Amino acid sequence: MSTDFMSRPAALLISVLVLIVSFAPAPDGWIRRPPAQASSRPSEVILGLDATLNSLSDEALERRLGVAIASRSLALSAVVVSLTEDRAGAAARLQDIEGVLYAEPNRRLTATAAPDDPLYPLQAHYMGPMGVPDAWVLDAGDPNVIVAVIDSGIATEHPDLAGAIWRNEAEAPGNGIDDDGNGCVDDVHGCAFFGQGAVTDDCDVPYEGDVRDDYGHGTFVAGIIVADADNGAGVAGIAPGVTVMPVKILDCTGGGSVFDAAQGILYAAKNGAGIANLSFGMDEESSTLAAAIRQAYYGYGMIVVAATGSTGEATVQFPARMPEVIAVASSGNEWSPDGRSGFSNWGPEVTVAAPGYGVVSTVAPGLCPDGWMCFGDQPYAAANGTSFAAPMVTALAALLLSENSSLPPDVVRGVIQATARDLPDGGEMLWDGAGRIQVLAAMQLARYWE
């Protein structure tokens, strides 16, 4: 596919925001290091104590807390307690006890190291400046956090994605019945919404639950978010522990309509997705799509992330320019990782920037010869676009909810902005909004947000 095709609006109303480029293969002789992994001990929580509780004996403190003490430090004014109940519920209960200053999981730490995914060296130039490898030491994401990729579908059998795909347990596969009554037939892994919005009749979607990616864009976006990290294959996603829900609203040509996009967003919100990634946009406004986004945001508490546009203009495209949406511009170019990408749209509505230049991710198998600049016969490619900056922020939002599931959308936006690193303006003032996202710093702030 040509750059011109991918940068012009799709034949109907919405366009994907991507530029495909070639990229060098992984260097020979790269030395793999032990993986950086982190988790919390599932049965232990650390409690910070005020002076009154810290002065009690172990026995008296256990009676006050109602749990067994596994370890204690008078100098830290803290104890580690062992739990037999649900950790999240127990932490909330313990934090309500008078004199308990905080409660947090007793997480395991390991030395920071690069994952062993063979294409990770091609990701390091943008993962490192965002602090992603260090963030993995804290958390790689909670599978209970569901991210909807509102796009061209996802290759659900891709080896780097298969373990992260949402499963609708209430739906029986292949029976032609809407078992759970949610309006979509056989939506075992998600739903497809296009018909009136299809650019061509040549695109085949045999049933509503068919979310196969026949264009490739959605699979690339999904890989940025959840590609399995440290599995010795392909690439690493920023939030590999979370779950992605495929919602197909773009057809095999990358075209779709605002009506289908609006339906897809509400489907995702109603079926448990806490975050939606919208790597598409247009110049005009749509009352229908705006209403769906507002309903998802205010009615369901959904975090909505969208790309600013990849036409290189001083205007943020719709729906990214809506106040309810986190608008993401692209950083990085051939001269500097800190500069604005030449294709990245900008304007006062930009929330933050994320790398969108030279991004490496997953591609639906079988699409590599037709438009994606892949690495040999592997289902991985490199590309540019604000389409691919947006899911980096989406992944960060998913990590923030993994750290603190009680964060509302406006606080998630605030944490992301407060921890971003300002980039040089160049000739376009505030093109990066609050700056380039900093994943580790944002996660650290979210953990203690009340």
Foldseek 3Di string as FASTA:
>chain_A
DAQVLQADAPPDFKHFWWFFDADDAFDPPDDADDAWAKDFDQFKKKWAFDPVLLPDDQVVNCVQQVFHFPADDSVRNMTITGHPDGPVVSQVVSCPRPGTPHMGTRMDADDQGAAQARRAVLVCVFCVVQQLSVQNRVPLFAALAEEEEAFAFAQCPAPQHVVQFDADPQADADPQDPRVPLPFHRQGRAFEFADPWAPDPVFDDPGGNPRHRLAWLSHFLVFQQAGHTNPNHHYGHSRNNYHYGYYRAATNSRIGDLQRSLVRLQSCLVVRHQEYEASMFGADDDPSNVVSLCCSCVVRLHAYEYEQGQQQEQGGTPPLQDPSYAYEWAADDPPDRQHGHNRTYFYQSHLFYGHFAFDKGFGNQPCCVPDFNADPNHRMGTIGTSSNRRSNLVSLLSLLCRLPVPDGNVVSSVLQLVQADAGDQPPHPCRGRSHYGRRNSSNVVSNPDD
